[in-house]
Amino acid sequence: MRLIGLLLALLAVGWLVMTQLQSTPTPSLSAEDDAGTAVQAPRNAEELKAFEDQVNRLSDQQNAKTREALEQIQ
């Protein structure tokens, strides 16, 4: 009886693994900067520095737009 339970549990785990491996990958999130180039989230450690630079650049561009809008209001 214990062996049957173990086999059923193994079957369930195998089925779950197969469905996860066959599922389509989730789409990557991206944003675009003013130049229209897509900013992709890093997939490994080497891409992290470039991603940080792109995010900082996007943040600086947005801050500049906000400052200009505030100056026009005042």
C-alpha atoms as a PDB file:
ATOM      1  CA  MET A   1       0.000   0.000   0.000  1.00  0.00           C
ATOM      2  CA  ARG A   2       2.852   2.341   0.836  1.00  0.00           C
ATOM      3  CA  LEU A   3       4.452   1.553  -2.524  1.00  0.00           C
ATOM      4  CA  ILE A   4       1.255   2.470  -4.396  1.00  0.00           C
ATOM      5  CA  GLY A   5       1.080   5.803  -2.573  1.00  0.00           C
ATOM      6  CA  LEU A   6       4.705   6.483  -3.422  1.00  0.00           C
ATOM      7  CA  LEU A   7       4.118   5.658  -7.087  1.00  0.00           C
ATOM      8  CA  LEU A   8       1.069   7.946  -7.214  1.00  0.00           C
ATOM      9  CA  ALA A   9       3.040  10.788  -5.621  1.00  0.00           C
ATOM     10  CA  LEU A  10       5.876  10.241  -8.102  1.00  0.00           C
ATOM     11  CA  LEU A  11       3.404  10.248 -10.964  1.00  0.00           C
ATOM     12  CA  ALA A  12       1.877  13.525  -9.760  1.00  0.00           C
ATOM     13  CA  VAL A  13       5.295  15.162  -9.417  1.00  0.00           C
ATOM     14  CA  GLY A  14       6.318  13.954 -12.878  1.00  0.00           C
ATOM     15  CA  TRP A  15       3.121  15.329 -14.380  1.00  0.00           C
ATOM     16  CA  LEU A  16       3.669  18.720 -12.707  1.00  0.00           C
ATOM     17  CA  VAL A  17       7.255  18.894 -13.967  1.00  0.00           C
ATOM     18  CA  MET A  18       6.177  18.021 -17.501  1.00  0.00           C
ATOM     19  CA  THR A  19       3.464  20.693 -17.546  1.00  0.00           C
ATOM     20  CA  GLN A  20       5.912  23.311 -16.271  1.00  0.00           C
ATOM     21  CA  LEU A  21       8.518  22.400 -18.874  1.00  0.00           C
ATOM     22  CA  GLN A  22       5.997  22.446 -21.722  1.00  0.00           C
ATOM     23  CA  SER A  23       4.373  25.741 -20.792  1.00  0.00           C
ATOM     24  CA  THR A  24       5.258  28.851 -22.750  1.00  0.00           C
ATOM     25  CA  PRO A  25       7.697  31.227 -21.069  1.00  0.00           C
ATOM     26  CA  THR A  26       6.316  34.428 -19.638  1.00  0.00           C
ATOM     27  CA  PRO A  27       6.934  37.479 -21.812  1.00  0.00           C
ATOM     28  CA  SER A  28       9.746  39.671 -20.646  1.00  0.00           C
ATOM     29  CA  LEU A  29       8.880  43.072 -19.283  1.00  0.00           C
ATOM     30  CA  SER A  30      10.389  45.968 -21.127  1.00  0.00           C
ATOM     31  CA  ALA A  31      10.234  49.724 -21.356  1.00  0.00           C
ATOM     32  CA  GLU A  32      11.388  52.163 -23.994  1.00  0.00           C
ATOM     33  CA  ASP A  33      13.523  55.232 -23.524  1.00  0.00           C
ATOM     34  CA  ASP A  34      13.174  58.446 -25.543  1.00  0.00           C
ATOM     35  CA  ALA A  35      15.271  57.061 -28.383  1.00  0.00           C
ATOM     36  CA  GLY A  36      12.812  54.184 -28.740  1.00  0.00           C
ATOM     37  CA  THR A  37      15.269  51.490 -27.712  1.00  0.00           C
ATOM     38  CA  ALA A  38      13.810  48.772 -25.533  1.00  0.00           C
ATOM     39  CA  VAL A  39      15.134  48.322 -22.014  1.00  0.00           C
ATOM     40  CA  GLN A  40      15.036  44.631 -21.105  1.00  0.00           C
ATOM     41  CA  ALA A  41      15.315  43.213 -17.604  1.00  0.00           C
ATOM     42  CA  PRO A  42      18.656  41.435 -17.078  1.00  0.00           C
ATOM     43  CA  ARG A  43      18.782  37.667 -17.326  1.00  0.00           C
ATOM     44  CA  ASN A  44      22.165  37.193 -15.689  1.00  0.00           C
ATOM     45  CA  ALA A  45      24.674  39.015 -13.505  1.00  0.00           C
ATOM     46  CA  GLU A  46      26.690  40.417 -16.425  1.00  0.00           C
ATOM     47  CA  GLU A  47      23.691  42.303 -17.791  1.00  0.00           C
ATOM     48  CA  LEU A  48      22.884  43.866 -14.415  1.00  0.00           C
ATOM     49  CA  LYS A  49      25.276  46.842 -14.704  1.00  0.00           C
ATOM     50  CA  ALA A  50      24.002  47.764 -18.163  1.00  0.00           C
ATOM     51  CA  PHE A  51      20.430  47.458 -16.884  1.00  0.00           C
ATOM     52  CA  GLU A  52      21.196  49.765 -13.950  1.00  0.00           C
ATOM     53  CA  ASP A  53      22.661  52.340 -16.340  1.00  0.00           C
ATOM     54  CA  GLN A  54      19.589  52.170 -18.595  1.00  0.00           C
ATOM     55  CA  VAL A  55      17.192  52.513 -15.661  1.00  0.00           C
ATOM     56  CA  ASN A  56      19.164  55.455 -14.279  1.00  0.00           C
ATOM     57  CA  ARG A  57      19.120  57.106 -17.702  1.00  0.00           C
ATOM     58  CA  LEU A  58      15.347  56.615 -17.989  1.00  0.00           C
ATOM     59  CA  SER A  59      14.884  58.012 -14.495  1.00  0.00           C
ATOM     60  CA  ASP A  60      17.007  61.069 -15.279  1.00  0.00           C
ATOM     61  CA  GLN A  61      15.047  61.699 -18.480  1.00  0.00           C
ATOM     62  CA  GLN A  62      11.742  61.462 -16.644  1.00  0.00           C
ATOM     63  CA  ASN A  63      13.007  63.755 -13.868  1.00  0.00           C
ATOM     64  CA  ALA A  64      14.069  66.334 -16.463  1.00  0.00           C
ATOM     65  CA  LYS A  65      10.615  66.220 -18.088  1.00  0.00           C
ATOM     66  CA  THR A  66       8.957  66.644 -14.696  1.00  0.00           C
ATOM     67  CA  ARG A  67      11.222  69.600 -13.814  1.00  0.00           C
ATOM     68  CA  GLU A  68      10.410  71.283 -17.131  1.00  0.00           C
ATOM     69  CA  ALA A  69       6.685  70.776 -16.586  1.00  0.00           C
ATOM     70  CA  LEU A  70       6.926  72.226 -13.075  1.00  0.00           C
ATOM     71  CA  GLU A  71       8.891  75.224 -14.308  1.00  0.00           C
ATOM     72  CA  GLN A  72       6.238  75.904 -16.945  1.00  0.00           C
ATOM     73  CA  ILE A  73       3.522  75.812 -14.279  1.00  0.00           C
ATOM     74  CA  GLN A  74       5.346  78.306 -12.067  1.00  0.00           C
END
